[in-house]
Amino acid sequence: MKSGTSIGELIAFILYFAIVLGMGVYFFVRGRKDTGEKSFFLGGRKMGGLVAALSAGASDMSAWVLMGLPGSIYLAGMGQVWISVGLLIGTILAWILVAPKLRRYSMLAEDSITIPQYLTKRFKSSSSTLQVICAIIFVIVYCIYGASSISACGSLLLTLFGLDPRIGMAIATAIIIVYVFLGGFNAVCWTDFFQGLLMLAALMVTPIVALAMLGASGAVAPGTIPENYYNFLSSGKFDWISISTILTGLGWGLGYFGMPHIIIRYISIKSEKEMKKSRWIGITWTALILVMASVVGIVGRKYLGDSMTGSKNLVFVQMARTVFPIFLGGVIISAIIAASMSTADSQLLAASSAFASDVYKTSIKKNASDKNVMWVGRGVVIVISVLAFGIAMLGSGDAPLVPAFSTIMSLVSAAWGAFGAAFGPVILLSLYWRRLNYKGAVAGIVTGFVVDILWMILFNFEYYDMTSVVFNTNLYEIIPGFLAGAVAAIIVSLCTKAPGKEVVSIFDRFKGLRSLEESDLAE
């Protein structure tokens, strides 16, 4: 064990992992008789508002909110908070503009249980092209996204316990596989629920205690405050660096309209009443998380001084270890593992459901039973986990084999941008534009994805760096990708045949709805 690591911290981590695994076993035993894919991949549309809201939030906020964001603000100041602003705006708009409508439309679209299913059945199409394209994007991007969470776990275990990061990543991967494999959507949502509570408690309590200790001692840690530290313009003036930083930060909010593992939570909510509850809980939770993560960075500068400038991503860890008793500090630090795993588990399930329901059942074995599809999905969980682990391994060590995979933020940024650009415009248009057709949806997804990736490679790739949450000299690729996807979907829809009468009729019925329950569909 690494020098400075306590037995209390180790015990806290072991207890946390035991609880997570216990949840997977519990939901496996409870759900053995319910073998349907709807139950495994969507929880049977029976999620309560509180669980769905915190699960959506926890699956969104990966390790960057406890490591990258506080560290960047600690080092560079308030000019780094624009991602928080963009994410908060995106969260609010997604819960208001997308969540209730997507839940209703997915029910009208033959009770769709995945995003690719919804986008196909919304147009009454017999083609599996869109589902296959979506599944391919899911698997590719979630392997990269999952690698970021696995890598974060390895880095943290190295820092705290001196554990070889490869061993730490292997442990995290194995635990995630076990409880997703056993419990499916229910296990993922309930573990995310408790992880969300832990993350919020950790961020709320740590800076408050640190401020109290500063006030009691009357001393501020030695160090100098950088110029423009409290200026919301990163360069201190209104130039391109500040403008691009603001646009990039706000652009992150676009991701919420197309992030499959987040918006699938909207579909899972059991009733309109629970949806309203979930909306306000979700917005409030996200706002508190983002505000307090920023506060950790500012307080950390006063509490720790310049001592963490070389390892700024560990500001939250260092504060928690010094302001709390040993065991409690270990529990608080477990919130970082919670942030990583709560994102990874949701990603794995979304990717496995896309392949099992949208590729295997539509193109490989069309008469597959629900039980068969569920087991294929479990197999895909293992495959994607192993691939994500492999990507994380390629970027690990002092001399990574693939430098582009070496930072958590580069992986998160790439995945977030790809999903937001590919699916965000099409999801919004599918809910608000009557003229959108199947070919337009396909064109929008492909164009948004391709433009996002090309922009990243050509303009942003060399700037991806874990020492920075934003890219001060470039525009985040999600913005041009999102715009290109929207334009492509609109142009192709207008240049091709309009949707059929049945599709238009369902859309008109959907637009006239103010609420919809499953019981209404049986009438």
Protein backbone atom coordinates (compact mmCIF):
# COMPACT_ATOMS: atom_id res chain seq x y z
CA MET A 1 0.00 0.00 0.00
CA LYS A 2 1.22 3.47 -0.84
CA SER A 3 2.77 5.48 1.96
CA GLY A 4 0.21 7.92 3.40
CA THR A 5 -2.75 5.70 2.56
CA SER A 6 -4.77 4.62 5.57
CA ILE A 7 -6.49 1.37 6.34
CA GLY A 8 -9.64 3.42 6.88
CA GLU A 9 -9.63 4.66 3.28
CA LEU A 10 -9.09 1.13 2.01
CA ILE A 11 -11.99 -0.18 4.10
CA ALA A 12 -14.25 2.61 2.78
CA PHE A 13 -13.47 1.64 -0.80
CA ILE A 14 -14.00 -2.06 -0.16
CA LEU A 15 -17.38 -1.36 1.45
CA TYR A 16 -18.40 0.82 -1.47
CA PHE A 17 -17.56 -1.85 -4.03
CA ALA A 18 -19.35 -4.49 -1.95
CA ILE A 19 -22.52 -2.37 -1.90
CA VAL A 20 -22.40 -1.85 -5.67
CA LEU A 21 -21.98 -5.56 -6.34
CA GLY A 22 -24.74 -6.34 -3.83
CA MET A 23 -27.16 -4.19 -5.80
CA GLY A 24 -26.41 -6.14 -8.96
CA VAL A 25 -27.02 -9.46 -7.21
CA TYR A 26 -30.23 -8.18 -5.60
CA PHE A 27 -31.80 -7.06 -8.88
CA PHE A 28 -30.68 -10.28 -10.58
CA VAL A 29 -32.46 -12.38 -7.96
CA ARG A 30 -35.53 -10.12 -7.90
CA GLY A 31 -35.85 -10.07 -11.67
CA ARG A 32 -35.13 -13.73 -12.53
CA LYS A 33 -38.74 -14.37 -13.53
CA ASP A 34 -38.92 -11.26 -15.72
CA THR A 35 -36.72 -12.11 -18.69
CA GLY A 36 -38.08 -9.59 -21.17
CA GLU A 37 -35.77 -7.20 -22.98
CA LYS A 38 -38.02 -4.28 -22.02
CA SER A 39 -37.35 -5.06 -18.38
CA PHE A 40 -33.61 -5.60 -18.77
CA PHE A 41 -32.94 -2.60 -21.04
CA LEU A 42 -35.61 -0.13 -19.80
CA GLY A 43 -36.73 -1.31 -16.36
CA GLY A 44 -40.20 -1.98 -17.77
CA ARG A 45 -40.94 1.77 -17.90
CA LYS A 46 -41.43 1.71 -14.15
CA MET A 47 -38.82 4.16 -12.93
CA GLY A 48 -39.90 6.64 -10.28
CA GLY A 49 -39.16 10.33 -10.70
CA LEU A 50 -36.50 10.57 -7.99
CA VAL A 51 -34.52 7.54 -9.15
CA ALA A 52 -34.76 8.49 -12.83
CA ALA A 53 -33.64 12.07 -12.18
CA LEU A 54 -30.59 11.20 -10.08
CA SER A 55 -29.74 8.31 -12.39
CA ALA A 56 -29.80 10.62 -15.42
CA GLY A 57 -27.60 13.12 -13.59
CA ALA A 58 -25.12 10.59 -12.24
CA SER A 59 -24.78 8.88 -15.62
CA ASP A 60 -23.99 12.31 -17.07
CA MET A 61 -21.45 13.59 -14.54
CA SER A 62 -18.34 11.45 -14.93
CA ALA A 63 -15.03 11.91 -13.08
CA TRP A 64 -14.38 15.24 -14.76
CA VAL A 65 -16.89 17.00 -12.52
CA LEU A 66 -14.91 15.97 -9.41
CA MET A 67 -11.42 16.07 -10.93
CA GLY A 68 -11.16 18.05 -14.16
CA LEU A 69 -13.54 20.95 -13.48
CA PRO A 70 -12.41 21.79 -9.90
CA GLY A 71 -8.78 21.38 -10.97
CA SER A 72 -9.09 23.74 -13.92
CA ILE A 73 -10.82 26.41 -11.84
CA TYR A 74 -8.23 25.93 -9.08
CA LEU A 75 -5.45 26.54 -11.58
CA ALA A 76 -6.89 29.12 -14.00
CA GLY A 77 -9.88 30.70 -12.25
CA MET A 78 -13.44 31.62 -13.14
CA GLY A 79 -12.83 31.77 -16.87
CA GLN A 80 -13.14 27.98 -16.83
CA VAL A 81 -16.75 27.82 -15.61
CA TRP A 82 -18.40 28.16 -19.03
CA ILE A 83 -18.75 24.40 -19.45
CA SER A 84 -20.79 24.39 -16.23
CA VAL A 85 -22.98 27.18 -17.60
CA GLY A 86 -23.47 25.35 -20.90
CA LEU A 87 -24.28 22.06 -19.21
CA LEU A 88 -26.78 23.67 -16.86
CA ILE A 89 -28.58 25.41 -19.73
CA GLY A 90 -28.54 22.15 -21.71
CA THR A 91 -29.94 20.20 -18.78
CA ILE A 92 -32.81 22.63 -18.25
CA LEU A 93 -33.74 22.68 -21.94
CA ALA A 94 -33.51 18.89 -22.27
CA TRP A 95 -35.82 18.26 -19.30
CA ILE A 96 -38.33 20.81 -20.60
CA LEU A 97 -38.18 20.39 -24.38
CA VAL A 98 -37.20 16.73 -24.81
CA ALA A 99 -38.00 14.60 -21.75
CA PRO A 100 -41.85 14.63 -21.64
CA LYS A 101 -42.26 14.64 -25.42
CA LEU A 102 -39.77 11.83 -26.03
CA ARG A 103 -41.45 9.65 -23.42
CA ARG A 104 -44.87 10.10 -25.07
CA TYR A 105 -43.65 9.70 -28.65
CA SER A 106 -41.63 6.57 -27.84
CA MET A 107 -44.83 4.99 -26.50
CA LEU A 108 -46.76 5.94 -29.64
CA ALA A 109 -43.87 4.63 -31.77
CA GLU A 110 -44.79 1.02 -30.99
CA ASP A 111 -43.48 1.24 -27.43
CA SER A 112 -39.86 1.76 -28.48
CA ILE A 113 -37.30 0.86 -25.82
CA THR A 114 -34.12 2.23 -27.43
CA ILE A 115 -33.28 5.45 -29.25
CA PRO A 116 -32.57 3.68 -32.60
CA GLN A 117 -35.92 1.86 -32.28
CA TYR A 118 -37.72 5.12 -31.66
CA LEU A 119 -36.12 6.83 -34.64
CA THR A 120 -37.03 3.90 -36.91
CA LYS A 121 -40.56 3.25 -35.69
CA ARG A 122 -41.41 6.93 -35.59
CA PHE A 123 -41.29 6.82 -39.42
CA LYS A 124 -42.98 3.41 -39.71
CA SER A 125 -39.98 2.18 -41.66
CA SER A 126 -39.26 -1.50 -42.34
CA SER A 127 -35.63 -0.72 -43.13
CA SER A 128 -33.01 -1.55 -40.50
CA THR A 129 -30.46 0.90 -41.96
CA LEU A 130 -30.92 3.58 -39.31
CA GLN A 131 -30.84 1.07 -36.45
CA VAL A 132 -27.63 -0.50 -37.73
CA ILE A 133 -25.96 2.90 -38.23
CA CYS A 134 -26.98 3.96 -34.73
CA ALA A 135 -25.74 0.71 -33.21
CA ILE A 136 -22.36 1.05 -34.92
CA ILE A 137 -21.98 4.62 -33.63
CA PHE A 138 -23.06 3.48 -30.17
CA VAL A 139 -20.52 0.69 -29.95
CA ILE A 140 -17.62 2.80 -31.29
CA VAL A 141 -18.29 5.87 -29.16
CA TYR A 142 -19.20 3.99 -25.99
CA CYS A 143 -15.96 2.03 -26.15
CA ILE A 144 -14.13 5.37 -26.08
CA TYR A 145 -16.47 6.88 -23.49
CA GLY A 146 -16.22 3.82 -21.25
CA ALA A 147 -12.43 3.93 -21.49
CA SER A 148 -12.45 7.39 -19.89
CA SER A 149 -14.29 6.11 -16.81
CA ILE A 150 -12.08 3.04 -16.51
CA SER A 151 -8.97 5.19 -16.88
CA ALA A 152 -10.18 7.55 -14.15
CA CYS A 153 -10.61 4.65 -11.75
CA GLY A 154 -7.09 3.42 -12.50
CA SER A 155 -5.58 6.87 -11.96
CA LEU A 156 -7.38 7.37 -8.66
CA LEU A 157 -6.40 3.97 -7.26
CA LEU A 158 -2.79 4.68 -8.24
CA THR A 159 -2.85 8.02 -6.45
CA LEU A 160 -4.46 6.75 -3.27
CA PHE A 161 -3.07 3.26 -2.89
CA GLY A 162 -0.09 3.08 -5.21
CA LEU A 163 -1.88 0.33 -7.12
CA ASP A 164 -0.69 -0.36 -10.65
CA PRO A 165 -3.21 1.58 -12.80
CA ARG A 166 -3.65 -1.45 -15.06
CA ILE A 167 -4.73 -3.53 -12.08
CA GLY A 168 -7.01 -0.72 -10.89
CA MET A 169 -8.64 -0.47 -14.31
CA ALA A 170 -9.12 -4.23 -14.43
CA ILE A 171 -10.82 -4.22 -11.01
CA ALA A 172 -13.16 -1.37 -11.99
CA THR A 173 -14.01 -3.07 -15.30
CA ALA A 174 -14.81 -6.37 -13.60
CA ILE A 175 -17.11 -4.75 -11.03
CA ILE A 176 -19.02 -2.75 -13.64
CA ILE A 177 -19.48 -5.86 -15.79
CA VAL A 178 -20.80 -7.91 -12.89
CA TYR A 179 -23.59 -5.63 -11.73
CA VAL A 180 -24.68 -4.51 -15.20
CA PHE A 181 -24.58 -8.13 -16.39
CA LEU A 182 -26.69 -9.28 -13.46
CA GLY A 183 -29.13 -6.47 -12.85
CA GLY A 184 -29.60 -4.65 -16.14
CA PHE A 185 -31.38 -1.29 -16.21
CA ASN A 186 -32.75 -1.56 -12.67
CA ALA A 187 -29.31 -2.21 -11.20
CA VAL A 188 -27.81 0.63 -13.23
CA CYS A 189 -30.51 3.14 -12.21
CA TRP A 190 -30.48 2.26 -8.53
CA THR A 191 -26.69 2.28 -8.26
CA ASP A 192 -26.65 5.59 -10.13
CA PHE A 193 -29.25 6.90 -7.67
CA PHE A 194 -27.07 6.18 -4.64
CA GLN A 195 -23.94 7.32 -6.45
CA GLY A 196 -25.69 10.58 -7.29
CA LEU A 197 -26.49 11.15 -3.62
CA LEU A 198 -22.89 10.38 -2.67
CA MET A 199 -21.49 12.76 -5.30
CA LEU A 200 -23.79 15.58 -4.16
CA ALA A 201 -22.98 15.06 -0.48
CA ALA A 202 -19.25 15.01 -1.19
CA LEU A 203 -19.31 18.26 -3.18
CA MET A 204 -21.64 20.02 -0.73
CA VAL A 205 -19.75 19.15 2.43
CA THR A 206 -16.06 19.28 1.48
CA PRO A 207 -15.68 22.99 0.58
CA ILE A 208 -17.92 24.07 3.46
CA VAL A 209 -15.75 22.24 6.01
CA ALA A 210 -12.59 23.58 4.36
CA LEU A 211 -13.91 27.17 4.59
CA ALA A 212 -14.83 26.62 8.24
CA MET A 213 -11.30 25.44 8.95
CA LEU A 214 -9.85 28.46 7.14
CA GLY A 215 -12.11 30.76 9.14
CA ALA A 216 -11.12 29.12 12.43
CA SER A 217 -7.40 29.38 11.71
CA GLY A 218 -7.54 32.80 10.08
CA ALA A 219 -4.81 31.70 7.69
CA VAL A 220 -4.73 31.23 3.95
CA ALA A 221 -2.36 28.72 2.40
CA PRO A 222 0.71 30.34 0.81
CA GLY A 223 0.65 31.03 -2.91
CA THR A 224 -0.14 33.67 -5.47
CA ILE A 225 -3.45 34.18 -7.24
CA PRO A 226 -2.97 34.34 -11.02
CA GLU A 227 -3.89 37.50 -12.89
CA ASN A 228 -7.56 37.60 -13.98
CA TYR A 229 -8.28 34.64 -11.67
CA TYR A 230 -11.75 35.96 -10.78
CA ASN A 231 -12.51 37.18 -14.32
CA PHE A 232 -15.09 35.22 -16.33
CA LEU A 233 -13.13 36.10 -19.50
CA SER A 234 -10.30 33.58 -19.54
CA SER A 235 -7.78 35.98 -21.11
CA GLY A 236 -9.00 38.96 -19.12
CA LYS A 237 -10.29 40.70 -22.22
CA PHE A 238 -12.88 40.16 -24.91
CA ASP A 239 -10.67 38.52 -27.55
CA TRP A 240 -10.92 35.30 -29.56
CA ILE A 241 -9.50 33.20 -26.74
CA SER A 242 -12.28 34.35 -24.40
CA ILE A 243 -14.96 34.12 -27.12
CA SER A 244 -13.98 30.59 -28.15
CA THR A 245 -13.87 29.53 -24.51
CA ILE A 246 -17.40 30.84 -23.95
CA LEU A 247 -18.77 29.29 -27.15
CA THR A 248 -17.08 25.99 -26.42
CA GLY A 249 -18.44 25.90 -22.89
CA LEU A 250 -21.97 26.73 -24.01
CA GLY A 251 -21.64 24.19 -26.82
CA TRP A 252 -21.34 21.38 -24.30
CA GLY A 253 -25.01 21.93 -23.50
CA LEU A 254 -25.96 20.69 -26.99
CA GLY A 255 -24.89 17.21 -25.99
CA TYR A 256 -27.92 16.70 -23.76
CA PHE A 257 -30.27 16.52 -26.74
CA GLY A 258 -28.53 13.47 -28.16
CA MET A 259 -26.84 11.60 -25.32
CA PRO A 260 -28.43 8.11 -25.49
CA HIS A 261 -27.58 6.94 -21.97
CA ILE A 262 -29.17 10.11 -20.53
CA ILE A 263 -32.29 10.52 -22.65
CA ILE A 264 -33.17 6.83 -22.29
CA ARG A 265 -33.94 7.73 -18.65
CA TYR A 266 -36.70 10.01 -19.88
CA ILE A 267 -38.32 7.08 -21.69
CA SER A 268 -38.14 4.86 -18.59
CA ILE A 269 -40.19 7.16 -16.30
CA LYS A 270 -43.45 5.47 -15.39
CA SER A 271 -45.94 8.36 -15.48
CA GLU A 272 -46.53 12.01 -16.31
CA LYS A 273 -46.71 12.82 -12.61
CA GLU A 274 -43.32 11.25 -12.02
CA MET A 275 -41.95 13.08 -15.07
CA LYS A 276 -42.78 16.47 -13.54
CA LYS A 277 -41.16 15.44 -10.27
CA SER A 278 -38.13 14.07 -12.08
CA ARG A 279 -37.68 17.28 -14.10
CA TRP A 280 -37.28 19.55 -11.09
CA ILE A 281 -35.18 17.08 -9.14
CA GLY A 282 -32.89 16.53 -12.12
CA ILE A 283 -32.40 20.24 -12.80
CA THR A 284 -31.80 21.03 -9.13
CA TRP A 285 -29.33 18.17 -8.66
CA THR A 286 -27.31 19.15 -11.74
CA ALA A 287 -27.26 22.82 -10.75
CA LEU A 288 -25.97 21.99 -7.28
CA ILE A 289 -23.33 19.61 -8.63
CA LEU A 290 -21.98 22.13 -11.15
CA VAL A 291 -22.01 25.07 -8.73
CA MET A 292 -20.32 23.13 -5.93
CA ALA A 293 -17.69 21.65 -8.26
CA SER A 294 -16.77 25.22 -9.18
CA VAL A 295 -16.75 26.22 -5.50
CA VAL A 296 -14.35 23.35 -4.73
CA GLY A 297 -11.88 24.83 -7.22
CA ILE A 298 -12.06 28.35 -5.74
CA VAL A 299 -11.93 27.20 -2.11
CA GLY A 300 -9.16 24.76 -3.00
CA ARG A 301 -6.99 27.65 -4.17
CA LYS A 302 -7.30 29.33 -0.78
CA TYR A 303 -7.08 26.13 1.25
CA LEU A 304 -4.21 24.44 -0.60
CA GLY A 305 -2.41 27.44 -2.07
CA ASP A 306 0.01 26.56 -4.87
CA SER A 307 0.72 23.07 -3.55
CA MET A 308 -1.45 21.29 -6.15
CA THR A 309 -0.51 23.15 -9.32
CA GLY A 310 1.41 20.12 -10.55
CA SER A 311 -1.47 17.72 -9.84
CA LYS A 312 -4.49 19.99 -10.00
CA ASN A 313 -6.93 17.19 -10.84
CA LEU A 314 -6.46 15.87 -7.30
CA VAL A 315 -7.61 19.09 -5.58
CA PHE A 316 -10.88 17.53 -4.44
CA VAL A 317 -9.12 14.35 -3.30
CA GLN A 318 -6.54 16.28 -1.28
CA MET A 319 -9.18 18.49 0.36
CA ALA A 320 -11.31 15.50 1.35
CA ARG A 321 -8.32 13.65 2.81
CA THR A 322 -7.29 16.61 4.96
CA VAL A 323 -10.60 18.00 6.22
CA PHE A 324 -12.32 14.75 7.22
CA PRO A 325 -11.51 11.87 9.57
CA ILE A 326 -9.76 9.00 7.81
CA PHE A 327 -12.72 6.69 7.20
CA LEU A 328 -15.14 9.49 6.30
CA GLY A 329 -12.56 10.93 3.93
CA GLY A 330 -12.40 7.56 2.21
CA VAL A 331 -16.19 7.55 1.82
CA ILE A 332 -16.14 11.06 0.34
CA ILE A 333 -13.37 10.13 -2.09
CA SER A 334 -15.43 7.14 -3.17
CA ALA A 335 -17.65 9.72 -4.85
CA ILE A 336 -15.05 9.98 -7.61
CA ILE A 337 -15.24 6.27 -8.25
CA ALA A 338 -19.03 6.70 -8.14
CA ALA A 339 -18.85 9.38 -10.83
CA SER A 340 -16.76 7.19 -13.11
CA MET A 341 -18.73 3.99 -12.64
CA SER A 342 -22.16 5.61 -12.83
CA THR A 343 -21.29 6.87 -16.29
CA ALA A 344 -19.66 3.65 -17.47
CA ASP A 345 -22.54 1.38 -16.41
CA SER A 346 -25.10 3.48 -18.29
CA GLN A 347 -22.95 3.56 -21.40
CA LEU A 348 -22.47 -0.20 -21.40
CA LEU A 349 -26.18 -0.87 -21.11
CA ALA A 350 -27.09 1.64 -23.84
CA ALA A 351 -24.56 0.12 -26.23
CA SER A 352 -25.59 -3.46 -25.49
CA SER A 353 -29.28 -2.66 -25.93
CA ALA A 354 -28.58 -0.95 -29.25
CA PHE A 355 -26.75 -3.99 -30.61
CA ALA A 356 -29.02 -6.69 -29.17
CA SER A 357 -32.37 -5.05 -29.96
CA ASP A 358 -31.47 -3.03 -33.03
CA VAL A 359 -28.97 -5.23 -34.88
CA TYR A 360 -29.20 -8.80 -33.63
CA LYS A 361 -33.01 -8.92 -33.52
CA THR A 362 -33.56 -6.99 -36.76
CA SER A 363 -30.76 -8.29 -38.99
CA ILE A 364 -29.23 -11.44 -37.52
CA LYS A 365 -31.99 -13.43 -35.84
CA LYS A 366 -35.37 -11.83 -36.46
CA ASN A 367 -37.33 -14.49 -34.53
CA ALA A 368 -35.14 -14.21 -31.44
CA SER A 369 -36.99 -14.48 -28.13
CA ASP A 370 -36.83 -11.78 -25.48
CA LYS A 371 -34.68 -14.06 -23.32
CA ASN A 372 -32.29 -14.67 -26.20
CA VAL A 373 -31.98 -10.93 -26.91
CA MET A 374 -31.35 -10.24 -23.23
CA TRP A 375 -28.47 -12.74 -23.10
CA VAL A 376 -26.98 -11.35 -26.30
CA GLY A 377 -27.10 -7.92 -24.63
CA ARG A 378 -25.25 -9.30 -21.63
CA GLY A 379 -22.62 -10.75 -23.92
CA VAL A 380 -22.19 -7.38 -25.62
CA VAL A 381 -21.65 -5.79 -22.18
CA ILE A 382 -18.64 -8.02 -21.72
CA VAL A 383 -17.26 -7.40 -25.21
CA ILE A 384 -17.56 -3.60 -25.01
CA SER A 385 -16.10 -3.58 -21.50
CA VAL A 386 -13.06 -5.49 -22.69
CA LEU A 387 -12.64 -3.16 -25.68
CA ALA A 388 -12.98 -0.08 -23.45
CA PHE A 389 -10.43 -1.57 -21.06
CA GLY A 390 -8.09 -2.14 -24.02
CA ILE A 391 -8.41 1.50 -25.13
CA ALA A 392 -7.70 2.67 -21.59
CA MET A 393 -4.64 0.40 -21.48
CA LEU A 394 -3.31 1.86 -24.75
CA GLY A 395 -3.35 5.30 -23.15
CA SER A 396 -1.92 4.30 -19.77
CA GLY A 397 1.62 4.61 -18.47
CA ASP A 398 4.35 7.23 -18.77
CA ALA A 399 4.83 6.38 -22.46
CA PRO A 400 1.37 5.43 -23.77
CA LEU A 401 1.18 3.44 -26.99
CA VAL A 402 -1.58 5.77 -28.23
CA PRO A 403 -1.08 9.28 -26.77
CA ALA A 404 -4.55 10.36 -27.93
CA PHE A 405 -6.02 7.90 -25.40
CA SER A 406 -3.84 9.10 -22.52
CA THR A 407 -6.14 11.71 -20.97
CA ILE A 408 -9.57 11.30 -19.45
CA MET A 409 -10.77 14.64 -20.77
CA SER A 410 -9.80 13.87 -24.37
CA LEU A 411 -11.87 10.68 -24.31
CA VAL A 412 -14.88 12.32 -22.64
CA SER A 413 -14.83 15.33 -24.96
CA ALA A 414 -14.61 13.20 -28.09
CA ALA A 415 -17.49 10.94 -27.05
CA TRP A 416 -19.75 13.75 -25.82
CA GLY A 417 -19.25 15.72 -29.03
CA ALA A 418 -19.85 12.72 -31.31
CA PHE A 419 -23.13 11.76 -29.65
CA GLY A 420 -24.43 15.31 -29.38
CA ALA A 421 -23.68 16.13 -33.01
CA ALA A 422 -25.01 12.85 -34.38
CA PHE A 423 -28.27 12.45 -32.46
CA GLY A 424 -29.12 15.85 -30.96
CA PRO A 425 -30.46 17.58 -34.10
CA VAL A 426 -32.45 14.53 -35.23
CA ILE A 427 -34.03 13.98 -31.80
CA LEU A 428 -35.16 17.61 -31.66
CA LEU A 429 -36.47 17.61 -35.24
CA SER A 430 -38.30 14.33 -34.68
CA LEU A 431 -40.23 15.90 -31.82
CA TYR A 432 -40.96 19.29 -33.38
CA TRP A 433 -40.92 19.03 -37.20
CA ARG A 434 -43.75 17.28 -39.01
CA ARG A 435 -41.89 17.13 -42.34
CA LEU A 436 -38.84 15.19 -41.12
CA ASN A 437 -38.60 11.83 -42.88
CA TYR A 438 -36.58 8.64 -42.52
CA LYS A 439 -33.92 9.60 -45.09
CA GLY A 440 -33.53 13.00 -43.45
CA ALA A 441 -32.96 11.36 -40.08
CA VAL A 442 -30.30 9.03 -41.52
CA ALA A 443 -28.57 11.94 -43.28
CA GLY A 444 -28.62 14.07 -40.13
CA ILE A 445 -27.09 11.35 -37.95
CA VAL A 446 -24.35 10.43 -40.40
CA THR A 447 -23.48 14.04 -41.30
CA GLY A 448 -23.39 15.24 -37.70
CA PHE A 449 -21.15 12.35 -36.67
CA VAL A 450 -18.74 12.69 -39.62
CA VAL A 451 -18.40 16.48 -39.37
CA ASP A 452 -17.81 16.26 -35.62
CA ILE A 453 -15.03 13.67 -36.03
CA LEU A 454 -13.36 15.52 -38.93
CA TRP A 455 -13.45 18.84 -37.05
CA MET A 456 -11.91 17.18 -34.01
CA ILE A 457 -9.09 15.60 -36.03
CA LEU A 458 -8.35 18.64 -38.18
CA PHE A 459 -8.68 21.46 -35.65
CA ASN A 460 -8.89 20.26 -32.04
CA PHE A 461 -7.06 16.97 -31.71
CA GLU A 462 -3.68 18.35 -30.61
CA TYR A 463 -5.34 20.50 -27.95
CA TYR A 464 -7.07 17.66 -26.12
CA ASP A 465 -5.39 17.75 -22.76
CA MET A 466 -6.45 16.71 -19.26
CA THR A 467 -4.89 19.87 -17.85
CA SER A 468 -7.68 21.88 -19.46
CA VAL A 469 -11.43 21.44 -19.38
CA VAL A 470 -11.92 23.75 -22.36
CA PHE A 471 -9.94 24.37 -25.51
CA ASN A 472 -8.84 27.99 -25.37
CA THR A 473 -7.82 28.31 -29.02
CA ASN A 474 -10.45 26.24 -30.84
CA LEU A 475 -14.16 25.80 -31.23
CA TYR A 476 -15.52 22.57 -29.76
CA GLU A 477 -16.42 20.21 -32.60
CA ILE A 478 -19.94 19.56 -31.31
CA ILE A 479 -21.01 23.03 -32.54
CA PRO A 480 -20.18 22.63 -36.26
CA GLY A 481 -21.20 18.96 -36.09
CA PHE A 482 -24.59 19.79 -34.57
CA LEU A 483 -25.28 22.54 -37.11
CA ALA A 484 -24.20 20.34 -40.04
CA GLY A 485 -26.42 17.48 -38.84
CA ALA A 486 -29.44 19.76 -38.53
CA VAL A 487 -28.92 21.28 -41.98
CA ALA A 488 -28.44 17.86 -43.59
CA ALA A 489 -31.59 16.45 -41.99
CA ILE A 490 -33.68 19.42 -43.14
CA ILE A 491 -32.32 19.56 -46.71
CA VAL A 492 -32.61 15.81 -47.34
CA SER A 493 -36.12 15.70 -45.88
CA LEU A 494 -37.25 18.56 -48.12
CA CYS A 495 -35.63 17.02 -51.20
CA THR A 496 -37.17 13.58 -50.73
CA LYS A 497 -40.66 12.20 -50.39
CA ALA A 498 -42.76 13.53 -47.52
CA PRO A 499 -43.71 11.19 -44.65
CA GLY A 500 -46.72 8.96 -45.28
CA LYS A 501 -50.23 9.67 -43.96
CA GLU A 502 -49.87 7.22 -41.08
CA VAL A 503 -46.64 8.85 -39.89
CA VAL A 504 -48.17 12.33 -40.14
CA SER A 505 -51.32 11.16 -38.35
CA ILE A 506 -49.31 9.82 -35.42
CA PHE A 507 -47.29 13.05 -35.28
CA ASP A 508 -50.49 15.12 -35.19
CA ARG A 509 -51.87 12.94 -32.44
CA PHE A 510 -48.59 13.33 -30.53
CA LYS A 511 -48.64 17.12 -30.89
CA GLY A 512 -52.13 17.25 -29.42
CA LEU A 513 -51.16 15.27 -26.31
CA ARG A 514 -50.53 16.92 -22.99
CA SER A 515 -50.09 13.62 -21.19
CA LEU A 516 -49.93 9.91 -21.99
CA GLU A 517 -49.92 6.79 -19.86
CA GLU A 518 -49.43 3.18 -20.95
CA SER A 519 -53.04 2.43 -20.03
CA ASP A 520 -54.16 4.98 -22.65
CA LEU A 521 -52.57 2.94 -25.42
CA ALA A 522 -54.69 -0.09 -24.60
CA GLU A 523 -57.90 1.82 -25.09
